């Protein structure tokens, strides 16, 4: 099996268990907010399964950034697209957002903006830290 496929599955399995925990926390917050929320067993099971899948895909998608033959733009687009598809499907299936094109457009724009903010923040932090490490390595090389 391809290294990246194994890595995707490994990362997905490691973090996917957090998805249902997040669903439970969200439902607890809704309850504590005083909103009368009545869920059927099917709705709870659907939320657990869909959040598991969302967490699996999101964690696994981090593998795309490790594929050295892909450029940053391709890795970013594939990662963002895969996460977006699983999120929009999960949100619609669970009826966390209504199937309304305006709402879906707002969700899409919000998702893209938030995703890019997080991605570029992480990118610049890693870039800065990499530069510091390289400078330290150069200093050590000079000492030797």
Protein backbone atom coordinates (compact mmCIF):
# COMPACT_ATOMS: atom_id res chain seq x y z
CA UNK A 1 0.00 0.00 0.00
CA UNK A 2 1.22 3.48 -0.82
CA UNK A 3 3.00 5.23 2.07
CA UNK A 4 0.68 8.26 1.86
CA UNK A 5 -2.47 6.13 1.91
CA UNK A 6 -1.19 4.34 5.04
CA UNK A 7 -0.31 7.67 6.62
CA UNK A 8 -3.76 9.09 5.77
CA UNK A 9 -5.47 6.10 7.38
CA UNK A 10 -3.16 6.20 10.42
CA UNK A 11 -3.71 9.91 11.04
CA UNK A 12 -7.43 9.55 10.45
CA UNK A 13 -7.74 6.69 12.93
CA UNK A 14 -5.66 8.45 15.58
CA UNK A 15 -7.82 11.58 15.63
CA UNK A 16 -11.23 10.41 14.42
CA UNK A 17 -12.36 9.46 17.89
CA UNK A 18 -12.39 13.15 18.76
CA UNK A 19 -15.26 13.79 16.33
CA UNK A 20 -17.99 12.18 18.46
CA UNK A 21 -16.57 13.92 21.55
CA UNK A 22 -17.02 17.25 19.75
CA UNK A 23 -20.61 16.31 18.85
CA UNK A 24 -21.29 15.49 22.50
CA UNK A 25 -19.80 18.80 23.65
CA UNK A 26 -21.90 20.73 21.12
CA UNK A 27 -25.10 19.01 22.26
CA UNK A 28 -24.16 19.63 25.92
CA UNK A 29 -23.60 23.34 25.22
CA UNK A 30 -26.96 23.54 23.46
CA UNK A 31 -28.63 21.87 26.46
CA UNK A 32 -26.86 24.18 28.96
CA UNK A 33 -27.97 27.17 26.87
CA UNK A 34 -31.54 26.38 27.81
CA UNK A 35 -32.56 25.23 24.33
CA UNK A 36 -34.95 22.31 24.49
CA UNK A 37 -33.28 19.83 22.19
CA UNK A 38 -34.87 16.46 21.65
CA UNK A 39 -32.89 14.02 19.53
CA UNK A 40 -33.90 10.60 18.35
CA UNK A 41 -31.54 7.67 18.61
CA UNK A 42 -31.09 7.84 14.84
CA UNK A 43 -30.10 11.52 15.02
CA UNK A 44 -27.55 10.81 17.75
CA UNK A 45 -26.09 7.86 15.83
CA UNK A 46 -25.94 9.94 12.64
CA UNK A 47 -24.14 12.76 14.51
CA UNK A 48 -21.64 10.29 16.01
CA UNK A 49 -20.89 8.61 12.68
CA UNK A 50 -20.70 11.84 10.68
CA UNK A 51 -18.43 13.61 13.18
CA UNK A 52 -16.23 10.51 13.25
CA UNK A 53 -15.95 10.65 9.45
CA UNK A 54 -15.34 14.41 9.48
CA UNK A 55 -12.55 14.08 12.04
CA UNK A 56 -11.05 11.12 10.13
CA UNK A 57 -10.96 13.04 6.84
CA UNK A 58 -9.66 16.22 8.42
CA UNK A 59 -6.83 14.43 10.23
CA UNK A 60 -6.02 12.27 7.23
CA UNK A 61 -6.04 15.22 4.86
CA UNK A 62 -3.00 16.64 6.60
CA UNK A 63 -1.09 13.95 4.70
CA UNK A 64 -1.56 15.89 1.46
CA UNK A 65 0.93 18.51 2.67
CA UNK A 66 3.57 15.79 3.01
CA UNK A 67 3.42 14.70 -0.63
CA UNK A 68 6.68 16.16 -1.87
CA UNK A 69 5.84 15.82 -5.56
CA UNK A 70 2.84 18.14 -5.10
CA UNK A 71 3.23 21.89 -4.94
CA UNK A 72 1.85 23.89 -2.03
CA UNK A 73 -1.12 25.12 -4.05
CA UNK A 74 -2.18 21.62 -5.11
CA UNK A 75 -1.79 20.24 -1.58
CA UNK A 76 -3.75 23.19 -0.14
CA UNK A 77 -6.54 22.81 -2.72
CA UNK A 78 -6.90 19.03 -2.32
CA UNK A 79 -6.79 19.25 1.48
CA UNK A 80 -9.28 22.11 1.63
CA UNK A 81 -11.61 20.50 -0.91
CA UNK A 82 -11.69 17.12 0.82
CA UNK A 83 -12.39 18.70 4.19
CA UNK A 84 -15.03 21.02 2.70
CA UNK A 85 -16.89 18.18 0.99
CA UNK A 86 -17.06 16.04 4.11
CA UNK A 87 -18.05 19.04 6.27
CA UNK A 88 -20.81 20.30 3.98
CA UNK A 89 -22.20 16.78 3.63
CA UNK A 90 -22.06 16.21 7.39
CA UNK A 91 -23.68 19.56 8.16
CA UNK A 92 -26.47 18.99 5.64
CA UNK A 93 -27.11 15.35 6.61
CA UNK A 94 -27.37 16.31 10.29
CA UNK A 95 -29.45 19.39 9.41
CA UNK A 96 -26.98 21.60 11.26
CA UNK A 97 -27.47 23.99 8.34
CA UNK A 98 -30.54 24.00 6.12
CA UNK A 99 -30.40 23.02 2.47
CA UNK A 100 -30.70 26.62 1.28
CA UNK A 101 -28.34 27.90 -1.42
CA UNK A 102 -27.78 31.22 0.35
CA UNK A 103 -26.91 29.46 3.61
CA UNK A 104 -24.62 27.05 1.74
CA UNK A 105 -22.92 30.00 0.03
CA UNK A 106 -22.41 31.74 3.39
CA UNK A 107 -21.05 28.49 4.86
CA UNK A 108 -18.73 28.03 1.87
CA UNK A 109 -17.32 31.55 2.04
CA UNK A 110 -16.90 31.30 5.83
CA UNK A 111 -15.19 27.92 5.48
CA UNK A 112 -12.76 29.13 2.81
CA UNK A 113 -11.85 32.31 4.70
CA UNK A 114 -11.35 30.50 8.02
CA UNK A 115 -9.44 27.67 6.36
CA UNK A 116 -7.08 30.07 4.59
CA UNK A 117 -6.50 32.12 7.73
CA UNK A 118 -5.55 28.99 9.68
CA UNK A 119 -3.47 27.56 6.81
CA UNK A 120 -1.46 30.75 6.25
CA UNK A 121 -0.99 31.28 10.00
CA UNK A 122 0.43 27.78 10.39
CA UNK A 123 2.48 28.17 7.21
CA UNK A 124 4.16 31.39 8.36
CA UNK A 125 4.78 30.07 11.88
CA UNK A 126 6.40 26.90 10.50
CA UNK A 127 8.40 28.97 8.02
CA UNK A 128 9.67 31.25 10.79
CA UNK A 129 10.58 28.31 13.03
CA UNK A 130 12.32 26.54 10.15
CA UNK A 131 14.38 29.65 9.48
CA UNK A 132 15.43 29.81 13.15
CA UNK A 133 16.42 26.14 13.12
CA UNK A 134 18.42 26.58 9.93
CA UNK A 135 20.26 29.56 11.44
CA UNK A 136 21.12 27.49 14.52
CA UNK A 137 22.38 24.67 12.31
CA UNK A 138 24.54 27.10 10.35
CA UNK A 139 26.00 28.48 13.60
CA UNK A 140 26.81 24.96 14.80
CA UNK A 141 28.39 24.12 11.47
CA UNK A 142 30.65 27.16 11.81
CA UNK A 143 31.66 26.07 15.32
CA UNK A 144 32.70 22.65 14.07
